[in-house]
Amino acid sequence: MLVHTIEEVRKQVKEWKKQGLTVGLVPTMGALHAGHKSLIDKSIAKCDKTVVSVFVNPIQFCPGEDLDKYPRTLEADEKLCTDSGVDIVFAPSPKEMYGEGTIMSNDFLTYVIPPFFYTNKLCGKSRVGHFDGVCTVVNKLFNIVQPDFAFFGEKDRQQLIILKKMVHDLNIPVEIIPCPIVREESGLALSSRNKYLSENGKKEALVLSKILNNIKTCYNKGIKDVKALTETAYSFINDNHSLEYLEFRDKDNLEEKEIADGNTIVFIALRVENVRLIDNIEL
């Protein structure tokens, strides 16, 4: 069932709750692919009812980012959800989510601001305010749907850690379920932004998973020094790659690591054909 209003979602969820049914939420920005499908499948397996939100959230895009050209494929998204057994596809407009005429800034709109320690690094360093927009819209979705469980992919690992922190700190009664990264056979992590890449660009983008897998191999062979592990990446990078960051962080609180251990996540972001791609691996 495709719905566009908050009232419709709340009415249906209220009926489910009266029946004692559990509700899962899969928040997305649409352009659904096999990675999203894996989240949907986990929700359907775990919960009595599943809601998938499809909303390109304007307040998580920074100036100069791809809000206008971000892929919007609602008809195909609805079909994937329906074929998968989703109960509600919630596809609101910005007006429905934020109100008519609302100026999309925290000068005029109430935002949920996650801790600076969690956002002033990795993607948050170049995308200032991005995670404020993410936490605000996810908090709104939690209030609208009131799910028992919410499903998020580990490709956006910094986002996942920040959202778990938000749920803990604000006492939100929802359990966040992390879901593994889904990859193409080549090793490329699935992303809606992969659509921007040419075939050659997709081949060049394999550098992310190659770097991460090589670092894990070196770590498993006994190399623990982060500087030494970082050095192993540069032989994979050529003029077609623009590296934004390669960092080793604690998987719970994003503290920087100097010596890698079993609690370490390696994060990478780079551009291929001016498309910004991210990936990560747990050591």
Protein backbone atom coordinates (compact mmCIF):
# COMPACT_ATOMS: atom_id res chain seq x y z
CA MET A 1 0.00 0.00 0.00
CA LEU A 2 1.42 3.34 -1.09
CA VAL A 3 0.59 6.26 1.21
CA HIS A 4 1.70 9.87 1.16
CA THR A 5 0.45 11.32 4.44
CA ILE A 6 1.48 11.02 8.07
CA GLU A 7 -2.15 10.60 9.09
CA GLU A 8 -2.59 7.49 6.91
CA VAL A 9 0.53 5.83 8.32
CA ARG A 10 -0.39 6.57 11.92
CA LYS A 11 -3.94 5.27 11.45
CA GLN A 12 -2.73 1.95 10.03
CA VAL A 13 0.07 1.48 12.59
CA LYS A 14 -2.37 2.22 15.40
CA GLU A 15 -4.54 -0.68 14.19
CA TRP A 16 -1.52 -2.98 14.06
CA LYS A 17 -0.48 -2.02 17.58
CA LYS A 18 -3.99 -2.73 18.87
CA GLN A 19 -3.54 -6.26 17.52
CA GLY A 20 -0.20 -6.61 19.30
CA LEU A 21 1.76 -6.78 16.03
CA THR A 22 5.42 -5.79 15.79
CA VAL A 23 6.40 -3.12 13.25
CA GLY A 24 9.66 -2.79 11.34
CA LEU A 25 10.80 0.37 9.58
CA VAL A 26 13.25 0.59 6.68
CA PRO A 27 14.06 4.28 6.06
CA THR A 28 15.30 4.96 2.51
CA MET A 29 15.72 7.76 0.00
CA GLY A 30 14.41 5.53 -2.78
CA ALA A 31 16.24 4.35 -5.90
CA LEU A 32 16.02 0.96 -4.22
CA HIS A 33 18.50 -1.80 -5.05
CA ALA A 34 19.51 -5.21 -3.70
CA GLY A 35 21.07 -3.59 -0.64
CA HIS A 36 17.74 -2.07 0.34
CA LYS A 37 16.05 -5.36 -0.52
CA SER A 38 18.25 -7.10 2.06
CA LEU A 39 17.04 -4.66 4.75
CA ILE A 40 13.43 -5.18 3.70
CA ASP A 41 13.82 -8.97 3.80
CA LYS A 42 15.28 -8.81 7.31
CA SER A 43 12.40 -6.65 8.51
CA ILE A 44 9.80 -8.94 6.99
CA ALA A 45 11.48 -11.98 8.56
CA LYS A 46 11.67 -10.37 12.01
CA CYS A 47 8.49 -8.27 12.20
CA ASP A 48 4.78 -8.82 11.70
CA LYS A 49 4.45 -5.67 9.59
CA THR A 50 6.99 -3.64 7.60
CA VAL A 51 6.96 0.02 6.58
CA VAL A 52 9.44 1.32 4.01
CA SER A 53 9.82 5.09 3.78
CA VAL A 54 10.86 6.61 0.45
CA PHE A 55 11.85 10.23 0.99
CA VAL A 56 14.68 12.26 -0.53
CA ASN A 57 15.35 14.35 2.56
CA PRO A 58 16.34 17.90 1.56
CA ILE A 59 17.85 18.88 4.89
CA GLN A 60 20.61 16.25 4.78
CA PHE A 61 22.01 17.58 1.50
CA CYS A 62 24.74 20.19 1.79
CA PRO A 63 25.12 23.15 -0.59
CA GLY A 64 26.36 21.99 -4.00
CA GLU A 65 25.34 18.36 -3.46
CA ASP A 66 23.12 16.31 -5.74
CA LEU A 67 19.64 16.94 -4.28
CA ASP A 68 18.07 17.91 -7.61
CA LYS A 69 19.59 15.07 -9.60
CA TYR A 70 19.33 12.39 -6.91
CA PRO A 71 17.54 9.44 -8.58
CA ARG A 72 13.80 9.29 -7.92
CA THR A 73 12.19 6.02 -9.02
CA LEU A 74 9.03 5.73 -6.92
CA GLU A 75 7.13 3.47 -9.30
CA ALA A 76 9.96 0.93 -9.43
CA ASP A 77 10.52 1.30 -5.68
CA GLU A 78 6.87 0.58 -4.94
CA LYS A 79 6.97 -2.53 -7.13
CA LEU A 80 10.09 -3.87 -5.40
CA CYS A 81 8.44 -3.30 -2.02
CA THR A 82 5.12 -4.84 -3.05
CA ASP A 83 6.84 -7.88 -4.56
CA SER A 84 8.86 -8.26 -1.36
CA GLY A 85 5.79 -8.22 0.90
CA VAL A 86 6.06 -4.72 2.36
CA ASP A 87 2.84 -3.56 4.03
CA ILE A 88 3.21 0.22 3.63
CA VAL A 89 5.38 2.32 1.35
CA PHE A 90 5.39 5.78 2.92
CA ALA A 91 6.36 8.38 0.32
CA PRO A 92 5.73 11.85 1.75
CA SER A 93 6.52 15.19 0.15
CA PRO A 94 8.86 17.72 1.81
CA LYS A 95 5.72 19.76 2.52
CA GLU A 96 4.15 16.79 4.33
CA MET A 97 7.29 16.17 6.40
CA TYR A 98 8.26 19.74 7.23
CA GLY A 99 5.22 21.92 6.60
CA GLU A 100 4.28 24.29 3.82
CA GLY A 101 6.64 27.23 3.39
CA THR A 102 9.08 26.00 6.03
CA ILE A 103 12.58 27.37 5.56
CA MET A 104 14.83 24.32 5.63
CA SER A 105 17.41 25.58 8.10
CA ASN A 106 17.81 25.27 11.85
CA ASP A 107 17.13 29.00 12.13
CA PHE A 108 13.46 28.18 11.53
CA LEU A 109 13.09 24.40 11.85
CA THR A 110 13.67 22.24 14.92
CA TYR A 111 16.63 19.95 14.29
CA VAL A 112 18.05 16.99 16.18
CA ILE A 113 21.78 17.73 16.53
CA PRO A 114 23.99 14.68 17.23
CA PRO A 115 27.19 15.07 19.29
CA PHE A 116 29.95 17.05 17.60
CA PHE A 117 32.51 14.36 18.51
CA TYR A 118 30.62 11.91 16.27
CA THR A 119 30.05 14.29 13.35
CA ASN A 120 33.27 16.33 13.02
CA LYS A 121 35.11 13.49 11.27
CA LEU A 122 34.85 11.17 8.26
CA CYS A 123 31.82 12.14 6.13
CA GLY A 124 30.76 14.82 8.59
CA LYS A 125 33.98 16.73 8.06
CA SER A 126 33.20 17.58 4.42
CA ARG A 127 29.41 17.38 4.74
CA VAL A 128 28.81 19.86 7.54
CA GLY A 129 25.24 19.59 8.83
CA HIS A 130 24.54 16.35 6.96
CA PHE A 131 24.05 14.24 10.06
CA ASP A 132 21.85 16.92 11.65
CA GLY A 133 19.50 16.40 8.71
CA VAL A 134 19.75 12.62 8.96
CA CYS A 135 18.99 12.52 12.68
CA THR A 136 16.13 14.99 12.31
CA VAL A 137 14.35 13.03 9.57
CA VAL A 138 14.96 9.64 11.18
CA ASN A 139 13.67 10.93 14.51
CA LYS A 140 10.56 12.21 12.71
CA LEU A 141 10.07 8.84 11.02
CA PHE A 142 10.41 7.09 14.38
CA ASN A 143 7.74 9.41 15.82
CA ILE A 144 5.44 8.88 12.85
CA VAL A 145 5.75 5.10 12.48
CA GLN A 146 6.66 4.18 16.07
CA PRO A 147 8.44 1.01 14.94
CA ASP A 148 9.70 -1.69 17.25
CA PHE A 149 12.72 -2.25 14.99
CA ALA A 150 14.51 -0.12 12.40
CA PHE A 151 16.89 -1.54 9.81
CA PHE A 152 20.00 0.27 8.55
CA GLY A 153 22.85 -0.86 6.30
CA GLU A 154 26.43 -0.98 7.52
CA LYS A 155 27.74 0.73 4.37
CA ASP A 156 26.77 4.02 6.03
CA ARG A 157 28.54 2.94 9.20
CA GLN A 158 29.12 6.43 10.62
CA GLN A 159 25.40 7.14 10.18
CA LEU A 160 24.55 3.85 11.89
CA ILE A 161 26.75 4.64 14.90
CA ILE A 162 25.29 8.17 15.18
CA LEU A 163 21.71 6.91 14.99
CA LYS A 164 22.36 4.30 17.67
CA LYS A 165 23.76 7.11 19.84
CA MET A 166 20.66 9.24 19.19
CA VAL A 167 18.29 6.40 20.11
CA HIS A 168 20.25 5.74 23.31
CA ASP A 169 20.55 9.37 24.40
CA LEU A 170 16.94 10.34 23.62
CA ASN A 171 15.44 7.12 25.06
CA ILE A 172 13.68 6.31 21.81
CA PRO A 173 11.89 2.93 22.16
CA VAL A 174 13.19 1.35 18.97
CA GLU A 175 15.87 -1.27 18.40
CA ILE A 176 18.23 -0.51 15.55
CA ILE A 177 19.20 -3.59 13.55
CA PRO A 178 22.49 -3.27 11.61
CA CYS A 179 22.54 -5.12 8.29
CA PRO A 180 25.67 -6.21 6.39
CA ILE A 181 26.92 -4.43 3.27
CA VAL A 182 25.62 -5.96 0.05
CA ARG A 183 28.13 -6.02 -2.82
CA GLU A 184 28.16 -6.73 -6.51
CA GLU A 185 30.10 -9.85 -7.51
CA SER A 186 33.01 -7.54 -8.29
CA GLY A 187 33.14 -6.39 -4.67
CA LEU A 188 31.68 -2.91 -5.27
CA ALA A 189 29.35 -1.92 -2.44
CA LEU A 190 25.83 -1.28 -3.72
CA SER A 191 24.80 2.37 -3.67
CA SER A 192 22.15 4.48 -5.37
CA ARG A 193 24.99 6.75 -6.50
CA ASN A 194 26.58 3.91 -8.50
CA LYS A 195 24.04 4.85 -11.19
CA TYR A 196 26.12 7.94 -11.91
CA LEU A 197 29.17 5.85 -12.87
CA SER A 198 30.10 4.70 -16.36
CA GLU A 199 31.14 1.08 -16.87
CA ASN A 200 34.77 2.16 -16.67
CA GLY A 201 33.96 4.19 -13.57
CA LYS A 202 32.54 1.11 -11.88
CA LYS A 203 35.81 -0.70 -12.57
CA GLU A 204 37.79 2.20 -11.12
CA ALA A 205 35.48 2.24 -8.09
CA LEU A 206 36.63 -1.27 -7.16
CA VAL A 207 39.65 0.44 -5.64
CA LEU A 208 37.65 1.00 -2.43
CA SER A 209 37.05 -2.68 -1.70
CA LYS A 210 40.55 -3.60 -2.92
CA ILE A 211 42.15 -1.19 -0.47
CA LEU A 212 39.98 -2.34 2.43
CA ASN A 213 40.44 -6.06 1.75
CA ASN A 214 44.20 -5.61 1.43
CA ILE A 215 44.33 -3.74 4.74
CA LYS A 216 42.40 -6.55 6.43
CA THR A 217 44.76 -9.13 4.91
CA CYS A 218 47.78 -7.21 6.21
CA TYR A 219 46.12 -6.86 9.63
CA ASN A 220 45.45 -10.60 9.75
CA LYS A 221 49.13 -11.17 8.98
CA GLY A 222 50.06 -9.23 12.10
CA ILE A 223 50.45 -5.61 10.98
CA LYS A 224 48.69 -3.48 13.59
CA ASP A 225 50.30 -0.06 13.17
CA VAL A 226 47.75 2.24 11.51
CA LYS A 227 50.37 4.28 9.65
CA ALA A 228 51.84 1.13 8.13
CA LEU A 229 48.40 -0.17 7.17
CA THR A 230 47.49 3.17 5.61
CA GLU A 231 50.63 3.10 3.47
CA THR A 232 49.45 -0.13 1.85
CA ALA A 233 46.58 1.76 0.18
CA TYR A 234 48.56 4.12 -2.04
CA SER A 235 49.69 1.52 -4.56
CA PHE A 236 46.02 1.01 -5.54
CA ILE A 237 45.27 4.70 -6.19
CA ASN A 238 45.76 6.31 -9.61
CA ASP A 239 44.86 9.58 -11.33
CA ASN A 240 41.24 8.45 -11.69
CA HIS A 241 40.78 8.45 -7.91
CA SER A 242 40.49 11.39 -5.55
CA LEU A 243 40.93 10.13 -1.98
CA GLU A 244 38.98 12.08 0.63
CA TYR A 245 39.87 10.02 3.68
CA LEU A 246 41.14 6.64 4.86
CA GLU A 247 40.78 6.36 8.62
CA PHE A 248 40.79 3.80 11.39
CA ARG A 249 38.10 4.37 14.02
CA ASP A 250 36.57 2.62 17.02
CA LYS A 251 33.43 0.78 15.92
CA ASP A 252 31.40 2.02 18.91
CA ASN A 253 32.37 5.67 19.41
CA LEU A 254 34.48 6.64 16.35
CA GLU A 255 37.60 7.41 18.38
CA GLU A 256 40.72 7.46 16.20
CA LYS A 257 42.97 4.42 16.39
CA GLU A 258 46.76 4.42 16.25
CA ILE A 259 47.00 0.66 16.73
CA ALA A 260 44.38 -1.45 14.98
CA ASP A 261 42.51 -4.11 16.95
CA GLY A 262 39.34 -6.18 16.76
CA ASN A 263 37.24 -3.14 17.63
CA THR A 264 38.45 -1.17 14.60
CA ILE A 265 36.54 -0.11 11.49
CA VAL A 266 38.49 1.13 8.45
CA PHE A 267 36.56 3.90 6.68
CA ILE A 268 37.26 5.15 3.16
CA ALA A 269 35.76 7.85 0.92
CA LEU A 270 36.94 8.80 -2.55
CA ARG A 271 35.64 10.21 -5.80
CA VAL A 272 35.52 8.44 -9.14
CA GLU A 273 34.21 10.44 -12.10
CA ASN A 274 33.35 13.07 -9.47
CA VAL A 275 30.97 10.61 -7.78
CA ARG A 276 31.60 10.42 -4.04
CA LEU A 277 31.73 6.80 -2.84
CA ILE A 278 32.15 5.37 0.66
CA ASP A 279 32.93 1.94 2.06
CA ASN A 280 34.24 0.36 5.25
CA ILE A 281 35.46 -2.90 6.69
CA GLU A 282 35.65 -4.30 10.23
CA LEU A 283 39.01 -5.72 11.28
